[in-house]
Each structure stands twice: as C-alpha cells, then as structure tokens.
C-alpha cells in the first residue's frame, strides 16, 4: 500500500505506462511522506469507450484514479496530491485533466502486508512524530 489504480479508455505504449508509474509513485512518495518501495501502480486499459461519466447530460469518456492509502493524512494533503496526480496523468498520457477523477480509500496499516518490507505496514504519522 498505497495502491494507485488508473482506469483509462484506449491503449497506451508500455514505455508510457512505465513512465507514468514512476512519476505517480514519486509524486505520491514526496507529497505523502511515504516509502516509495511500498507504492504499487496499475494502469488498466478499458479499451475504446470503456469508461464513461455523465457530463452535460451525455456520456463522455473519462478516467478514474483509485488510491488505496493508509489512513491519517488530512484532507488538504490528499487534495494537493490528487491535483498533482491528475497533472501527471494529463502530462504523461495526454488525458483531459477535467475528466480524471481521483478517489481515496483509507486503510489501517495492519490491512497491508509487504513481505519484502517486514510484514504489515506501520500506521501513518506525520514526519518527526
């Protein structure tokens, strides 16, 4: 954890998805004071016309970024991260930033297991505490 899952319409080259994963992980680690080794990024390509949202009364193609994270960060910190992640998606994959939604699901540290990092994740606390 965290697990960032981007659902997109269409297809993107593997090199672009790799670049996106690196940029999303770096942005997350920096803004959320997280160990970058714990971050997993998935890009799920739904194909052409696979993801829709009603905009102005009509279905419009969109993207959705789900962020499963440890609980504890303030809303302002999550909002700043969401804005940064949207900008990274727009810059890297050419997505319309007005059509990328971000949703956070927060978990206790003991709900995440990283065998290579010693087991369950610690609870999040602000740096220096």
C-alpha atoms as a PDB file:
ATOM      1  CA  UNK A   1       0.000   0.000   0.000  1.00  0.00           C
ATOM      2  CA  UNK A   2      -0.547   2.523  -1.387  1.00  0.00           C
ATOM      3  CA  UNK A   3      -2.104   1.102  -4.498  1.00  0.00           C
ATOM      4  CA  UNK A   4      -2.818   3.592  -7.295  1.00  0.00           C
ATOM      5  CA  UNK A   5      -5.131   2.189  -9.984  1.00  0.00           C
ATOM      6  CA  UNK A   6      -5.764   4.249 -13.094  1.00  0.00           C
ATOM      7  CA  UNK A   7      -8.604   3.131 -15.359  1.00  0.00           C
ATOM      8  CA  UNK A   8      -8.328   4.640 -18.841  1.00  0.00           C
ATOM      9  CA  UNK A   9     -10.013   4.393 -22.213  1.00  0.00           C
ATOM     10  CA  UNK A  10      -7.900   3.254 -25.148  1.00  0.00           C
ATOM     11  CA  UNK A  11      -4.406   1.800 -25.166  1.00  0.00           C
ATOM     12  CA  UNK A  12      -1.025   3.301 -24.250  1.00  0.00           C
ATOM     13  CA  UNK A  13       2.506   2.083 -25.022  1.00  0.00           C
ATOM     14  CA  UNK A  14       4.256   0.133 -22.245  1.00  0.00           C
ATOM     15  CA  UNK A  15       7.010   2.777 -22.093  1.00  0.00           C
ATOM     16  CA  UNK A  16       4.428   5.496 -21.350  1.00  0.00           C
ATOM     17  CA  UNK A  17       2.785   3.355 -18.660  1.00  0.00           C
ATOM     18  CA  UNK A  18       6.197   2.724 -17.086  1.00  0.00           C
ATOM     19  CA  UNK A  19       6.942   6.468 -17.129  1.00  0.00           C
ATOM     20  CA  UNK A  20       3.536   7.164 -15.606  1.00  0.00           C
ATOM     21  CA  UNK A  21       4.117   4.599 -12.842  1.00  0.00           C
ATOM     22  CA  UNK A  22       7.462   6.179 -11.946  1.00  0.00           C
ATOM     23  CA  UNK A  23       6.037   9.697 -11.925  1.00  0.00           C
ATOM     24  CA  UNK A  24       2.938   8.770  -9.918  1.00  0.00           C
ATOM     25  CA  UNK A  25       4.997   6.851  -7.359  1.00  0.00           C
ATOM     26  CA  UNK A  26       7.476   9.723  -6.995  1.00  0.00           C
ATOM     27  CA  UNK A  27       4.693  12.286  -6.614  1.00  0.00           C
ATOM     28  CA  UNK A  28       2.941  10.130  -4.040  1.00  0.00           C
ATOM     29  CA  UNK A  29       6.078   9.413  -2.011  1.00  0.00           C
ATOM     30  CA  UNK A  30       7.061  13.090  -1.935  1.00  0.00           C
ATOM     31  CA  UNK A  31       3.663  14.545  -1.081  1.00  0.00           C
ATOM     32  CA  UNK A  32       2.531  11.844   1.335  1.00  0.00           C
ATOM     33  CA  UNK A  33       5.843  11.244   3.145  1.00  0.00           C
ATOM     34  CA  UNK A  34       5.745   7.576   2.107  1.00  0.00           C
ATOM     35  CA  UNK A  35       8.330   4.904   1.365  1.00  0.00           C
ATOM     36  CA  UNK A  36       8.369   4.677  -2.443  1.00  0.00           C
ATOM     37  CA  UNK A  37       9.076   0.929  -2.179  1.00  0.00           C
ATOM     38  CA  UNK A  38       5.549   0.399  -0.829  1.00  0.00           C
ATOM     39  CA  UNK A  39       3.794   2.046  -3.792  1.00  0.00           C
ATOM     40  CA  UNK A  40       2.156  -0.067  -6.486  1.00  0.00           C
ATOM     41  CA  UNK A  41       0.730   1.466  -9.674  1.00  0.00           C
ATOM     42  CA  UNK A  42      -1.672  -0.245 -12.061  1.00  0.00           C
ATOM     43  CA  UNK A  43      -2.803   1.114 -15.413  1.00  0.00           C
ATOM     44  CA  UNK A  44      -5.956  -0.651 -16.507  1.00  0.00           C
ATOM     45  CA  UNK A  45      -6.874  -0.075 -20.130  1.00  0.00           C
ATOM     46  CA  UNK A  46     -10.600  -0.494 -20.627  1.00  0.00           C
ATOM     47  CA  UNK A  47     -10.290  -0.128 -24.395  1.00  0.00           C
ATOM     48  CA  UNK A  48     -12.049   2.431 -26.547  1.00  0.00           C
ATOM     49  CA  UNK A  49     -15.285   3.531 -24.911  1.00  0.00           C
ATOM     50  CA  UNK A  50     -14.762   1.525 -21.722  1.00  0.00           C
ATOM     51  CA  UNK A  51     -15.198   4.237 -19.064  1.00  0.00           C
ATOM     52  CA  UNK A  52     -17.941   6.867 -19.054  1.00  0.00           C
ATOM     53  CA  UNK A  53     -19.314   9.661 -16.870  1.00  0.00           C
ATOM     54  CA  UNK A  54     -22.400  11.758 -17.498  1.00  0.00           C
ATOM     55  CA  UNK A  55     -21.265  15.265 -18.494  1.00  0.00           C
ATOM     56  CA  UNK A  56     -23.816  17.855 -19.598  1.00  0.00           C
ATOM     57  CA  UNK A  57     -26.441  15.112 -19.821  1.00  0.00           C
ATOM     58  CA  UNK A  58     -24.409  12.896 -22.151  1.00  0.00           C
ATOM     59  CA  UNK A  59     -21.996  10.005 -21.566  1.00  0.00           C
ATOM     60  CA  UNK A  60     -18.395  11.221 -22.024  1.00  0.00           C
ATOM     61  CA  UNK A  61     -15.160   9.201 -21.954  1.00  0.00           C
ATOM     62  CA  UNK A  62     -13.243   9.707 -18.687  1.00  0.00           C
ATOM     63  CA  UNK A  63     -10.516   8.234 -16.488  1.00  0.00           C
ATOM     64  CA  UNK A  64     -10.621   7.208 -12.835  1.00  0.00           C
ATOM     65  CA  UNK A  65      -7.689   7.039 -10.408  1.00  0.00           C
ATOM     66  CA  UNK A  66      -8.411   4.988  -7.289  1.00  0.00           C
ATOM     67  CA  UNK A  67      -5.930   5.463  -4.444  1.00  0.00           C
ATOM     68  CA  UNK A  68      -5.901   2.877  -1.648  1.00  0.00           C
ATOM     69  CA  UNK A  69      -3.826   4.525   1.072  1.00  0.00           C
ATOM     70  CA  UNK A  70      -3.054   4.349   4.784  1.00  0.00           C
ATOM     71  CA  UNK A  71      -5.437   6.462   6.811  1.00  0.00           C
ATOM     72  CA  UNK A  72      -4.406   9.560   8.691  1.00  0.00           C
ATOM     73  CA  UNK A  73      -3.494  12.283   6.206  1.00  0.00           C
ATOM     74  CA  UNK A  74      -5.509  15.499   6.330  1.00  0.00           C
ATOM     75  CA  UNK A  75      -7.961  16.327   3.545  1.00  0.00           C
ATOM     76  CA  UNK A  76      -5.795  19.244   2.357  1.00  0.00           C
ATOM     77  CA  UNK A  77      -2.823  16.925   1.841  1.00  0.00           C
ATOM     78  CA  UNK A  78      -4.951  14.422  -0.098  1.00  0.00           C
ATOM     79  CA  UNK A  79      -6.400  17.218  -2.265  1.00  0.00           C
ATOM     80  CA  UNK A  80      -2.920  18.551  -3.102  1.00  0.00           C
ATOM     81  CA  UNK A  81      -1.839  15.022  -4.019  1.00  0.00           C
ATOM     82  CA  UNK A  82      -4.931  14.488  -6.196  1.00  0.00           C
ATOM     83  CA  UNK A  83      -4.232  17.696  -8.109  1.00  0.00           C
ATOM     84  CA  UNK A  84      -0.627  16.614  -8.688  1.00  0.00           C
ATOM     85  CA  UNK A  85      -1.607  13.087  -9.778  1.00  0.00           C
ATOM     86  CA  UNK A  86      -4.146  14.480 -12.253  1.00  0.00           C
ATOM     87  CA  UNK A  87      -1.460  16.768 -13.719  1.00  0.00           C
ATOM     88  CA  UNK A  88       0.929  13.805 -14.079  1.00  0.00           C
ATOM     89  CA  UNK A  89      -1.751  11.750 -15.882  1.00  0.00           C
ATOM     90  CA  UNK A  90      -2.526  14.646 -18.208  1.00  0.00           C
ATOM     91  CA  UNK A  91       1.131  15.338 -18.960  1.00  0.00           C
ATOM     92  CA  UNK A  92       2.219  11.720 -19.404  1.00  0.00           C
ATOM     93  CA  UNK A  93      -0.766  10.151 -21.173  1.00  0.00           C
ATOM     94  CA  UNK A  94      -2.437  13.246 -22.605  1.00  0.00           C
ATOM     95  CA  UNK A  95      -5.594  12.769 -20.536  1.00  0.00           C
ATOM     96  CA  UNK A  96      -8.013  15.675 -20.151  1.00  0.00           C
ATOM     97  CA  UNK A  97      -7.434  16.838 -16.541  1.00  0.00           C
ATOM     98  CA  UNK A  98     -11.111  17.819 -16.225  1.00  0.00           C
ATOM     99  CA  UNK A  99     -12.031  14.199 -16.942  1.00  0.00           C
ATOM    100  CA  UNK A 100      -9.758  12.442 -14.455  1.00  0.00           C
ATOM    101  CA  UNK A 101     -11.408  11.781 -11.102  1.00  0.00           C
ATOM    102  CA  UNK A 102      -9.436  10.713  -8.034  1.00  0.00           C
ATOM    103  CA  UNK A 103     -10.925   8.707  -5.192  1.00  0.00           C
ATOM    104  CA  UNK A 104      -9.206   7.762  -1.931  1.00  0.00           C
ATOM    105  CA  UNK A 105      -9.959   4.695   0.162  1.00  0.00           C
ATOM    106  CA  UNK A 106      -8.159   4.746   3.508  1.00  0.00           C
ATOM    107  CA  UNK A 107      -6.965   1.668   5.408  1.00  0.00           C
ATOM    108  CA  UNK A 108      -5.299   0.840   8.696  1.00  0.00           C
ATOM    109  CA  UNK A 109      -1.632  -0.113   8.353  1.00  0.00           C
ATOM    110  CA  UNK A 110      -2.285  -3.679   9.508  1.00  0.00           C
ATOM    111  CA  UNK A 111      -4.535  -4.201   6.466  1.00  0.00           C
ATOM    112  CA  UNK A 112      -1.480  -4.033   4.166  1.00  0.00           C
ATOM    113  CA  UNK A 113       1.190  -6.727   4.024  1.00  0.00           C
ATOM    114  CA  UNK A 114       4.587  -6.252   2.369  1.00  0.00           C
ATOM    115  CA  UNK A 115       6.656  -9.418   2.900  1.00  0.00           C
ATOM    116  CA  UNK A 116       9.816  -7.784   1.473  1.00  0.00           C
ATOM    117  CA  UNK A 117       9.449  -4.872   3.917  1.00  0.00           C
ATOM    118  CA  UNK A 118       8.832  -6.884   7.067  1.00  0.00           C
ATOM    119  CA  UNK A 119       5.109  -7.638   7.046  1.00  0.00           C
ATOM    120  CA  UNK A 120       2.294  -5.245   7.825  1.00  0.00           C
ATOM    121  CA  UNK A 121       2.649  -1.517   7.302  1.00  0.00           C
ATOM    122  CA  UNK A 122       3.007   0.786  10.275  1.00  0.00           C
ATOM    123  CA  UNK A 123       0.262   3.296  10.944  1.00  0.00           C
ATOM    124  CA  UNK A 124       0.949   6.611   9.239  1.00  0.00           C
ATOM    125  CA  UNK A 125       2.052   9.518  11.369  1.00  0.00           C
ATOM    126  CA  UNK A 126       3.340  12.963  10.398  1.00  0.00           C
ATOM    127  CA  UNK A 127       7.116  13.162   9.842  1.00  0.00           C
ATOM    128  CA  UNK A 128       9.054  13.716  13.051  1.00  0.00           C
ATOM    129  CA  UNK A 129       6.455  12.047  15.298  1.00  0.00           C
END
